[in-house]
């Protein structure tokens, strides 16, 4: 009797077990990817609409800001820490320049 009961409980557990799905289906992943791409494009368009600021060591800059430097041309702030700002310019060069705190 006990053995039959154990088999019945074991069978019930195996039949009713629903494993958690770790990955969503491909369509859902694709939709998430499209939404992320759309958000990135909207953010890029928003930033492109803002004119670049003229670089001055007396100014403070935030990551993502576009700047114009008289010698190096246009660039984007990629790191801002303390008295230094790192800017990647359109020619691909990166420069660490002074900034106000």
PDB file of N, CA and C in Angstrom:
ATOM      1  N   UNK A   1       0.831  -1.191   0.000  1.00  0.00           N
ATOM      2  CA  UNK A   1       0.000   0.000   0.000  1.00  0.00           C
ATOM      3  C   UNK A   1       0.875   1.255   0.000  1.00  0.00           C
ATOM      4  N   UNK A   2       1.874   1.252   0.883  1.00  0.00           N
ATOM      5  CA  UNK A   2       2.752   2.409   0.985  1.00  0.00           C
ATOM      6  C   UNK A   2       3.513   2.618  -0.324  1.00  0.00           C
ATOM      7  N   UNK A   3       3.981   1.542  -0.914  1.00  0.00           N
ATOM      8  CA  UNK A   3       4.721   1.622  -2.163  1.00  0.00           C
ATOM      9  C   UNK A   3       3.841   2.166  -3.289  1.00  0.00           C
ATOM     10  N   UNK A   4       2.599   1.745  -3.357  1.00  0.00           N
ATOM     11  CA  UNK A   4       1.659   2.221  -4.381  1.00  0.00           C
ATOM     12  C   UNK A   4       1.393   3.706  -4.186  1.00  0.00           C
ATOM     13  N   UNK A   5       1.283   4.113  -2.919  1.00  0.00           N
ATOM     14  CA  UNK A   5       1.046   5.524  -2.607  1.00  0.00           C
ATOM     15  C   UNK A   5       2.245   6.376  -3.038  1.00  0.00           C
ATOM     16  N   UNK A   6       3.444   5.873  -2.790  1.00  0.00           N
ATOM     17  CA  UNK A   6       4.657   6.604  -3.188  1.00  0.00           C
ATOM     18  C   UNK A   6       4.740   6.757  -4.697  1.00  0.00           C
ATOM     19  N   UNK A   7       4.408   5.669  -5.414  1.00  0.00           N
ATOM     20  CA  UNK A   7       4.421   5.735  -6.874  1.00  0.00           C
ATOM     21  C   UNK A   7       3.391   6.727  -7.385  1.00  0.00           C
ATOM     22  N   UNK A   8       2.212   6.730  -6.785  1.00  0.00           N
ATOM     23  CA  UNK A   8       1.145   7.645  -7.198  1.00  0.00           C
ATOM     24  C   UNK A   8       1.566   9.093  -6.961  1.00  0.00           C
ATOM     25  N   UNK A   9       2.152   9.368  -5.801  1.00  0.00           N
ATOM     26  CA  UNK A   9       2.615  10.735  -5.495  1.00  0.00           C
ATOM     27  C   UNK A   9       3.736  11.132  -6.437  1.00  0.00           C
ATOM     28  N   UNK A  10       4.664  10.223  -6.688  1.00  0.00           N
ATOM     29  CA  UNK A  10       5.762  10.506  -7.608  1.00  0.00           C
ATOM     30  C   UNK A  10       5.265  10.803  -9.012  1.00  0.00           C
ATOM     31  N   UNK A  11       4.307  10.000  -9.488  1.00  0.00           N
ATOM     32  CA  UNK A  11       3.735  10.212 -10.813  1.00  0.00           C
ATOM     33  C   UNK A  11       3.025  11.564 -10.878  1.00  0.00           C
ATOM     34  N   UNK A  12       2.285  11.910  -9.822  1.00  0.00           N
ATOM     35  CA  UNK A  12       1.578  13.192  -9.775  1.00  0.00           C
ATOM     36  C   UNK A  12       2.575  14.347  -9.847  1.00  0.00           C
ATOM     37  N   UNK A  13       3.654  14.239  -9.107  1.00  0.00           N
ATOM     38  CA  UNK A  13       4.661  15.312  -9.103  1.00  0.00           C
ATOM     39  C   UNK A  13       5.279  15.449 -10.482  1.00  0.00           C
ATOM     40  N   UNK A  14       5.636  14.328 -11.100  1.00  0.00           N
ATOM     41  CA  UNK A  14       6.240  14.388 -12.429  1.00  0.00           C
ATOM     42  C   UNK A  14       5.289  14.935 -13.478  1.00  0.00           C
ATOM     43  N   UNK A  15       4.034  14.561 -13.418  1.00  0.00           N
ATOM     44  CA  UNK A  15       3.060  15.013 -14.405  1.00  0.00           C
ATOM     45  C   UNK A  15       2.669  16.473 -14.213  1.00  0.00           C
ATOM     46  N   UNK A  16       2.677  16.937 -12.987  1.00  0.00           N
ATOM     47  CA  UNK A  16       2.232  18.303 -12.731  1.00  0.00           C
ATOM     48  C   UNK A  16       3.380  19.316 -12.708  1.00  0.00           C
ATOM     49  N   UNK A  17       4.604  18.833 -12.788  1.00  0.00           N
ATOM     50  CA  UNK A  17       5.753  19.738 -12.725  1.00  0.00           C
ATOM     51  C   UNK A  17       5.829  20.591 -13.983  1.00  0.00           C
ATOM     52  N   UNK A  18       5.865  21.885 -13.797  1.00  0.00           N
ATOM     53  CA  UNK A  18       5.989  22.830 -14.905  1.00  0.00           C
ATOM     54  C   UNK A  18       7.300  23.593 -14.709  1.00  0.00           C
ATOM     55  N   UNK A  19       8.335  23.271 -15.443  1.00  0.00           N
ATOM     56  CA  UNK A  19       9.605  23.985 -15.255  1.00  0.00           C
ATOM     57  C   UNK A  19       9.457  25.451 -15.658  1.00  0.00           C
ATOM     58  N   UNK A  20      10.190  26.311 -14.958  1.00  0.00           N
ATOM     59  CA  UNK A  20      10.169  27.734 -15.295  1.00  0.00           C
ATOM     60  C   UNK A  20      10.902  27.931 -16.608  1.00  0.00           C
ATOM     61  N   UNK A  21      10.364  28.787 -17.443  1.00  0.00           N
ATOM     62  CA  UNK A  21      10.988  29.077 -18.719  1.00  0.00           C
ATOM     63  C   UNK A  21      12.049  30.142 -18.467  1.00  0.00           C
ATOM     64  N   UNK A  22      13.289  29.801 -18.756  1.00  0.00           N
ATOM     65  CA  UNK A  22      14.370  30.749 -18.528  1.00  0.00           C
ATOM     66  C   UNK A  22      14.481  31.769 -19.651  1.00  0.00           C
ATOM     67  N   UNK A  23      14.092  31.373 -20.832  1.00  0.00           N
ATOM     68  CA  UNK A  23      14.193  32.265 -21.975  1.00  0.00           C
ATOM     69  C   UNK A  23      12.808  32.458 -22.576  1.00  0.00           C
ATOM     70  N   UNK A  24      12.542  33.682 -22.989  1.00  0.00           N
ATOM     71  CA  UNK A  24      11.274  33.944 -23.646  1.00  0.00           C
ATOM     72  C   UNK A  24      11.380  33.512 -25.106  1.00  0.00           C
ATOM     73  N   UNK A  25      10.270  33.454 -25.769  1.00  0.00           N
ATOM     74  CA  UNK A  25      10.302  33.026 -27.159  1.00  0.00           C
ATOM     75  C   UNK A  25      10.989  34.070 -28.035  1.00  0.00           C
ATOM     76  N   UNK A  26      11.367  33.674 -29.216  1.00  0.00           N
ATOM     77  CA  UNK A  26      12.155  34.511 -30.120  1.00  0.00           C
ATOM     78  C   UNK A  26      11.439  35.803 -30.493  1.00  0.00           C
ATOM     79  N   UNK A  27      10.124  35.748 -30.686  1.00  0.00           N
ATOM     80  CA  UNK A  27       9.379  36.956 -31.064  1.00  0.00           C
ATOM     81  C   UNK A  27       9.445  38.000 -29.959  1.00  0.00           C
ATOM     82  N   UNK A  28       9.318  37.543 -28.711  1.00  0.00           N
ATOM     83  CA  UNK A  28       9.365  38.477 -27.589  1.00  0.00           C
ATOM     84  C   UNK A  28      10.756  39.107 -27.470  1.00  0.00           C
ATOM     85  N   UNK A  29      11.801  38.326 -27.668  1.00  0.00           N
ATOM     86  CA  UNK A  29      13.161  38.847 -27.632  1.00  0.00           C
ATOM     87  C   UNK A  29      13.372  39.859 -28.762  1.00  0.00           C
ATOM     88  N   UNK A  30      12.839  39.542 -29.927  1.00  0.00           N
ATOM     89  CA  UNK A  30      12.975  40.444 -31.065  1.00  0.00           C
ATOM     90  C   UNK A  30      12.249  41.766 -30.806  1.00  0.00           C
ATOM     91  N   UNK A  31      11.068  41.692 -30.208  1.00  0.00           N
ATOM     92  CA  UNK A  31      10.304  42.903 -29.881  1.00  0.00           C
ATOM     93  C   UNK A  31      11.065  43.757 -28.867  1.00  0.00           C
ATOM     94  N   UNK A  32      11.640  43.133 -27.859  1.00  0.00           N
ATOM     95  CA  UNK A  32      12.440  43.872 -26.869  1.00  0.00           C
ATOM     96  C   UNK A  32      13.626  44.545 -27.539  1.00  0.00           C
ATOM     97  N   UNK A  33      14.241  43.842 -28.471  1.00  0.00           N
ATOM     98  CA  UNK A  33      15.384  44.387 -29.192  1.00  0.00           C
ATOM     99  C   UNK A  33      14.971  45.591 -30.041  1.00  0.00           C
ATOM    100  N   UNK A  34      13.824  45.478 -30.713  1.00  0.00           N
ATOM    101  CA  UNK A  34      13.328  46.607 -31.519  1.00  0.00           C
ATOM    102  C   UNK A  34      13.032  47.819 -30.650  1.00  0.00           C
ATOM    103  N   UNK A  35      12.424  47.589 -29.482  1.00  0.00           N
ATOM    104  CA  UNK A  35      12.111  48.702 -28.588  1.00  0.00           C
ATOM    105  C   UNK A  35      13.384  49.374 -28.092  1.00  0.00           C
ATOM    106  N   UNK A  36      14.386  48.588 -27.747  1.00  0.00           N
ATOM    107  CA  UNK A  36      15.656  49.147 -27.280  1.00  0.00           C
ATOM    108  C   UNK A  36      16.323  49.953 -28.388  1.00  0.00           C
ATOM    109  N   UNK A  37      16.272  49.435 -29.604  1.00  0.00           N
ATOM    110  CA  UNK A  37      16.840  50.146 -30.752  1.00  0.00           C
ATOM    111  C   UNK A  37      16.108  51.465 -30.990  1.00  0.00           C
ATOM    112  N   UNK A  38      14.784  51.429 -30.888  1.00  0.00           N
ATOM    113  CA  UNK A  38      13.974  52.635 -31.072  1.00  0.00           C
ATOM    114  C   UNK A  38      14.316  53.682 -30.008  1.00  0.00           C
ATOM    115  N   UNK A  39      14.436  53.236 -28.750  1.00  0.00           N
ATOM    116  CA  UNK A  39      14.795  54.172 -27.671  1.00  0.00           C
ATOM    117  C   UNK A  39      16.165  54.791 -27.912  1.00  0.00           C
ATOM    118  N   UNK A  40      17.113  53.976 -28.380  1.00  0.00           N
ATOM    119  CA  UNK A  40      18.457  54.481 -28.657  1.00  0.00           C
ATOM    120  C   UNK A  40      18.428  55.511 -29.788  1.00  0.00           C
ATOM    121  N   UNK A  41      17.634  55.247 -30.819  1.00  0.00           N
ATOM    122  CA  UNK A  41      17.528  56.189 -31.931  1.00  0.00           C
ATOM    123  C   UNK A  41      16.878  57.492 -31.491  1.00  0.00           C
ATOM    124  N   UNK A  42      15.841  57.394 -30.656  1.00  0.00           N
ATOM    125  CA  UNK A  42      15.175  58.599 -30.157  1.00  0.00           C
ATOM    126  C   UNK A  42      16.123  59.425 -29.298  1.00  0.00           C
ATOM    127  N   UNK A  43      16.906  58.755 -28.459  1.00  0.00           N
ATOM    128  CA  UNK A  43      17.873  59.461 -27.613  1.00  0.00           C
ATOM    129  C   UNK A  43      18.948  60.124 -28.467  1.00  0.00           C
ATOM    130  N   UNK A  44      19.412  59.438 -29.499  1.00  0.00           N
ATOM    131  CA  UNK A  44      20.416  60.013 -30.392  1.00  0.00           C
ATOM    132  C   UNK A  44      19.853  61.230 -31.123  1.00  0.00           C
ATOM    133  N   UNK A  45      18.609  61.150 -31.562  1.00  0.00           N
ATOM    134  CA  UNK A  45      17.978  62.286 -32.247  1.00  0.00           C
ATOM    135  C   UNK A  45      17.801  63.466 -31.297  1.00  0.00           C
ATOM    136  N   UNK A  46      17.432  63.166 -30.040  1.00  0.00           N
ATOM    137  CA  UNK A  46      17.265  64.231 -29.048  1.00  0.00           C
ATOM    138  C   UNK A  46      18.597  64.929 -28.793  1.00  0.00           C
ATOM    139  N   UNK A  47      19.667  64.146 -28.652  1.00  0.00           N
ATOM    140  CA  UNK A  47      20.982  64.741 -28.404  1.00  0.00           C
ATOM    141  C   UNK A  47      21.492  65.498 -29.627  1.00  0.00           C
ATOM    142  N   UNK A  48      21.171  65.004 -30.826  1.00  0.00           N
ATOM    143  CA  UNK A  48      21.617  65.678 -32.043  1.00  0.00           C
ATOM    144  C   UNK A  48      20.927  67.027 -32.210  1.00  0.00           C
ATOM    145  N   UNK A  49      19.725  67.164 -31.675  1.00  0.00           N
ATOM    146  CA  UNK A  49      18.986  68.422 -31.799  1.00  0.00           C
ATOM    147  C   UNK A  49      19.577  69.509 -30.901  1.00  0.00           C
ATOM    148  N   UNK A  50      20.304  69.118 -29.879  1.00  0.00           N
ATOM    149  CA  UNK A  50      20.920  70.086 -28.967  1.00  0.00           C
ATOM    150  C   UNK A  50      22.257  70.511 -29.572  1.00  0.00           C
ATOM    151  N   UNK A  51      22.462  71.803 -29.783  1.00  0.00           N
ATOM    152  CA  UNK A  51      23.729  72.242 -30.384  1.00  0.00           C
ATOM    153  C   UNK A  51      24.895  71.988 -29.427  1.00  0.00           C
ATOM    154  N   UNK A  52      26.087  71.689 -29.966  1.00  0.00           N
ATOM    155  CA  UNK A  52      27.234  71.433 -29.090  1.00  0.00           C
ATOM    156  C   UNK A  52      27.657  72.697 -28.345  1.00  0.00           C
ATOM    157  N   UNK A  53      28.145  72.514 -27.121  1.00  0.00           N
ATOM    158  CA  UNK A  53      28.647  73.633 -26.323  1.00  0.00           C
ATOM    159  C   UNK A  53      30.094  73.904 -26.694  1.00  0.00           C
ATOM    160  N   UNK A  54      30.478  75.147 -26.599  1.00  0.00           N
ATOM    161  CA  UNK A  54      31.867  75.523 -26.858  1.00  0.00           C
ATOM    162  C   UNK A  54      32.705  75.125 -25.646  1.00  0.00           C
ATOM    163  N   UNK A  55      33.831  74.453 -25.888  1.00  0.00           N
ATOM    164  CA  UNK A  55      34.684  74.023 -24.787  1.00  0.00           C
ATOM    165  C   UNK A  55      35.346  75.210 -24.119  1.00  0.00           C
ATOM    166  N   UNK A  56      35.348  75.180 -22.808  1.00  0.00           N
ATOM    167  CA  UNK A  56      36.075  76.156 -21.994  1.00  0.00           C
ATOM    168  C   UNK A  56      36.491  75.445 -20.711  1.00  0.00           C
ATOM    169  N   UNK A  57      37.751  75.599 -20.278  1.00  0.00           N
ATOM    170  CA  UNK A  57      38.182  74.946 -19.043  1.00  0.00           C
ATOM    171  C   UNK A  57      37.458  75.472 -17.809  1.00  0.00           C
ATOM    172  N   UNK A  58      36.780  76.583 -17.940  1.00  0.00           N
ATOM    173  CA  UNK A  58      36.031  77.161 -16.814  1.00  0.00           C
ATOM    174  C   UNK A  58      34.642  76.536 -16.674  1.00  0.00           C
ATOM    175  N   UNK A  59      34.233  75.719 -17.642  1.00  0.00           N
ATOM    176  CA  UNK A  59      32.908  75.092 -17.633  1.00  0.00           C
ATOM    177  C   UNK A  59      32.996  73.671 -17.088  1.00  0.00           C
ATOM    178  N   UNK A  60      31.841  73.152 -16.631  1.00  0.00           N
ATOM    179  CA  UNK A  60      31.740  71.758 -16.207  1.00  0.00           C
ATOM    180  C   UNK A  60      30.912  71.011 -17.244  1.00  0.00           C
ATOM    181  N   UNK A  61      31.338  69.799 -17.608  1.00  0.00           N
ATOM    182  CA  UNK A  61      30.667  69.019 -18.640  1.00  0.00           C
ATOM    183  C   UNK A  61      30.193  67.689 -18.079  1.00  0.00           C
ATOM    184  N   UNK A  62      29.091  67.186 -18.635  1.00  0.00           N
ATOM    185  CA  UNK A  62      28.514  65.899 -18.239  1.00  0.00           C
ATOM    186  C   UNK A  62      28.721  64.885 -19.355  1.00  0.00           C
ATOM    187  N   UNK A  63      28.742  63.608 -18.994  1.00  0.00           N
ATOM    188  CA  UNK A  63      28.885  62.529 -19.974  1.00  0.00           C
ATOM    189  C   UNK A  63      27.728  62.599 -20.976  1.00  0.00           C
ATOM    190  N   UNK A  64      28.079  62.465 -22.243  1.00  0.00           N
ATOM    191  CA  UNK A  64      27.075  62.492 -23.303  1.00  0.00           C
ATOM    192  C   UNK A  64      26.928  63.853 -23.966  1.00  0.00           C
ATOM    193  N   UNK A  65      27.439  64.896 -23.338  1.00  0.00           N
ATOM    194  CA  UNK A  65      27.331  66.231 -23.939  1.00  0.00           C
ATOM    195  C   UNK A  65      28.236  66.324 -25.161  1.00  0.00           C
ATOM    196  N   UNK A  66      27.771  67.061 -26.141  1.00  0.00           N
ATOM    197  CA  UNK A  66      28.589  67.335 -27.316  1.00  0.00           C
ATOM    198  C   UNK A  66      29.256  68.675 -27.128  1.00  0.00           C
ATOM    199  N   UNK A  67      30.517  68.747 -27.514  1.00  0.00           N
ATOM    200  CA  UNK A  67      31.282  69.981 -27.358  1.00  0.00           C
ATOM    201  C   UNK A  67      32.004  70.314 -28.659  1.00  0.00           C
ATOM    202  N   UNK A  68      32.342  71.586 -28.786  1.00  0.00           N
ATOM    203  CA  UNK A  68      33.153  72.053 -29.899  1.00  0.00           C
ATOM    204  C   UNK A  68      34.418  72.660 -29.321  1.00  0.00           C
ATOM    205  N   UNK A  69      35.554  72.197 -29.790  1.00  0.00           N
ATOM    206  CA  UNK A  69      36.849  72.700 -29.333  1.00  0.00           C
ATOM    207  C   UNK A  69      37.477  73.470 -30.484  1.00  0.00           C
ATOM    208  N   UNK A  70      38.101  74.621 -30.207  1.00  0.00           N
ATOM    209  CA  UNK A  70      38.656  75.425 -31.304  1.00  0.00           C
ATOM    210  C   UNK A  70      39.760  74.712 -32.099  1.00  0.00           C
ATOM    211  N   UNK A  71      40.519  73.833 -31.460  1.00  0.00           N
ATOM    212  CA  UNK A  71      41.604  73.152 -32.154  1.00  0.00           C
ATOM    213  C   UNK A  71      41.216  71.750 -32.634  1.00  0.00           C
ATOM    214  N   UNK A  72      40.462  70.983 -31.819  1.00  0.00           N
ATOM    215  CA  UNK A  72      40.183  69.586 -32.114  1.00  0.00           C
ATOM    216  C   UNK A  72      38.839  69.345 -32.803  1.00  0.00           C
ATOM    217  N   UNK A  73      37.975  70.345 -32.868  1.00  0.00           N
ATOM    218  CA  UNK A  73      36.685  70.208 -33.537  1.00  0.00           C
ATOM    219  C   UNK A  73      35.600  69.675 -32.609  1.00  0.00           C
ATOM    220  N   UNK A  74      34.587  69.004 -33.201  1.00  0.00           N
ATOM    221  CA  UNK A  74      33.464  68.498 -32.413  1.00  0.00           C
ATOM    222  C   UNK A  74      33.797  67.167 -31.766  1.00  0.00           C
ATOM    223  N   UNK A  75      33.216  66.974 -30.569  1.00  0.00           N
ATOM    224  CA  UNK A  75      33.425  65.724 -29.850  1.00  0.00           C
ATOM    225  C   UNK A  75      32.301  65.483 -28.866  1.00  0.00           C
ATOM    226  N   UNK A  76      32.402  64.336 -28.187  1.00  0.00           N
ATOM    227  CA  UNK A  76      31.399  63.965 -27.188  1.00  0.00           C
ATOM    228  C   UNK A  76      32.122  63.586 -25.901  1.00  0.00           C
ATOM    229  N   UNK A  77      31.583  64.061 -24.779  1.00  0.00           N
ATOM    230  CA  UNK A  77      32.169  63.764 -23.476  1.00  0.00           C
ATOM    231  C   UNK A  77      31.897  62.294 -23.168  1.00  0.00           C
ATOM    232  N   UNK A  78      32.967  61.545 -22.900  1.00  0.00           N
ATOM    233  CA  UNK A  78      32.800  60.134 -22.568  1.00  0.00           C
ATOM    234  C   UNK A  78      33.102  59.858 -21.095  1.00  0.00           C
ATOM    235  N   UNK A  79      33.790  60.790 -20.426  1.00  0.00           N
ATOM    236  CA  UNK A  79      34.027  60.632 -18.997  1.00  0.00           C
ATOM    237  C   UNK A  79      34.239  62.016 -18.389  1.00  0.00           C
ATOM    238  N   UNK A  80      33.642  62.220 -17.229  1.00  0.00           N
ATOM    239  CA  UNK A  80      33.767  63.484 -16.525  1.00  0.00           C
ATOM    240  C   UNK A  80      34.035  63.170 -15.060  1.00  0.00           C
ATOM    241  N   UNK A  81      35.235  63.509 -14.593  1.00  0.00           N
ATOM    242  CA  UNK A  81      35.599  63.200 -13.211  1.00  0.00           C
ATOM    243  C   UNK A  81      36.467  64.313 -12.645  1.00  0.00           C
ATOM    244  N   UNK A  82      35.970  64.960 -11.613  1.00  0.00           N
ATOM    245  CA  UNK A  82      36.747  66.008 -10.955  1.00  0.00           C
ATOM    246  C   UNK A  82      37.098  67.148 -11.883  1.00  0.00           C
ATOM    247  N   UNK A  83      38.392  67.411 -11.981  1.00  0.00           N
ATOM    248  CA  UNK A  83      38.855  68.537 -12.802  1.00  0.00           C
ATOM    249  C   UNK A  83      39.210  68.140 -14.233  1.00  0.00           C
ATOM    250  N   UNK A  84      38.948  66.876 -14.595  1.00  0.00           N
ATOM    251  CA  UNK A  84      39.253  66.421 -15.955  1.00  0.00           C
ATOM    252  C   UNK A  84      38.001  65.920 -16.661  1.00  0.00           C
ATOM    253  N   UNK A  85      37.998  66.130 -17.952  1.00  0.00           N
ATOM    254  CA  UNK A  85      36.926  65.612 -18.800  1.00  0.00           C
ATOM    255  C   UNK A  85      37.600  64.922 -19.981  1.00  0.00           C
ATOM    256  N   UNK A  86      37.115  63.726 -20.340  1.00  0.00           N
ATOM    257  CA  UNK A  86      37.666  63.022 -21.491  1.00  0.00           C
ATOM    258  C   UNK A  86      36.662  63.136 -22.626  1.00  0.00           C
ATOM    259  N   UNK A  87      37.154  63.603 -23.764  1.00  0.00           N
ATOM    260  CA  UNK A  87      36.300  63.861 -24.923  1.00  0.00           C
ATOM    261  C   UNK A  87      36.805  63.042 -26.097  1.00  0.00           C
ATOM    262  N   UNK A  88      35.874  62.367 -26.783  1.00  0.00           N
ATOM    263  CA  UNK A  88      36.218  61.666 -28.015  1.00  0.00           C
ATOM    264  C   UNK A  88      35.789  62.558 -29.173  1.00  0.00           C
ATOM    265  N   UNK A  89      36.757  62.928 -29.991  1.00  0.00           N
ATOM    266  CA  UNK A  89      36.490  63.837 -31.095  1.00  0.00           C
ATOM    267  C   UNK A  89      36.134  63.071 -32.359  1.00  0.00           C
ATOM    268  N   UNK A  90      35.597  63.799 -33.336  1.00  0.00           N
ATOM    269  CA  UNK A  90      35.072  63.168 -34.547  1.00  0.00           C
ATOM    270  C   UNK A  90      36.135  62.418 -35.344  1.00  0.00           C
ATOM    271  N   UNK A  91      37.410  62.745 -35.177  1.00  0.00           N
ATOM    272  CA  UNK A  91      38.471  62.017 -35.880  1.00  0.00           C
ATOM    273  C   UNK A  91      38.861  60.727 -35.160  1.00  0.00           C
ATOM    274  N   UNK A  92      38.200  60.437 -34.032  1.00  0.00           N
ATOM    275  CA  UNK A  92      38.464  59.217 -33.283  1.00  0.00           C
ATOM    276  C   UNK A  92      39.452  59.389 -32.143  1.00  0.00           C
ATOM    277  N   UNK A  93      40.083  60.542 -32.064  1.00  0.00           N
ATOM    278  CA  UNK A  93      41.051  60.773 -30.983  1.00  0.00           C
ATOM    279  C   UNK A  93      40.331  61.080 -29.676  1.00  0.00           C
ATOM    280  N   UNK A  94      40.988  60.733 -28.583  1.00  0.00           N
ATOM    281  CA  UNK A  94      40.461  61.028 -27.250  1.00  0.00           C
ATOM    282  C   UNK A  94      41.431  61.947 -26.543  1.00  0.00           C
ATOM    283  N   UNK A  95      40.874  62.965 -25.910  1.00  0.00           N
ATOM    284  CA  UNK A  95      41.702  63.935 -25.191  1.00  0.00           C
ATOM    285  C   UNK A  95      41.169  64.134 -23.794  1.00  0.00           C
ATOM    286  N   UNK A  96      42.086  64.256 -22.838  1.00  0.00           N
ATOM    287  CA  UNK A  96      41.714  64.602 -21.469  1.00  0.00           C
ATOM    288  C   UNK A  96      41.999  66.084 -21.308  1.00  0.00           C
ATOM    289  N   UNK A  97      40.953  66.824 -20.998  1.00  0.00           N
ATOM    290  CA  UNK A  97      41.068  68.273 -20.896  1.00  0.00           C
ATOM    291  C   UNK A  97      40.577  68.733 -19.524  1.00  0.00           C
ATOM    292  N   UNK A  98      40.994  69.934 -19.137  1.00  0.00           N
ATOM    293  CA  UNK A  98      40.602  70.501 -17.848  1.00  0.00           C
ATOM    294  C   UNK A  98      39.144  70.960 -17.879  1.00  0.00           C
ATOM    295  N   UNK A  99      38.524  70.925 -16.707  1.00  0.00           N
ATOM    296  CA  UNK A  99      37.161  71.446 -16.567  1.00  0.00           C
ATOM    297  C   UNK A  99      37.001  71.979 -15.148  1.00  0.00           C
ATOM    298  N   UNK A 100      35.992  72.804 -14.949  1.00  0.00           N
ATOM    299  CA  UNK A 100      35.684  73.322 -13.617  1.00  0.00           C
ATOM    300  C   UNK A 100      34.991  72.223 -12.822  1.00  0.00           C
ATOM    301  N   UNK A 101      35.074  72.306 -11.519  1.00  0.00           N
ATOM    302  CA  UNK A 101      34.389  71.310 -10.682  1.00  0.00           C
ATOM    303  C   UNK A 101      32.959  71.576 -10.625  1.00  0.00           C
TER     304      UNK A 101
END
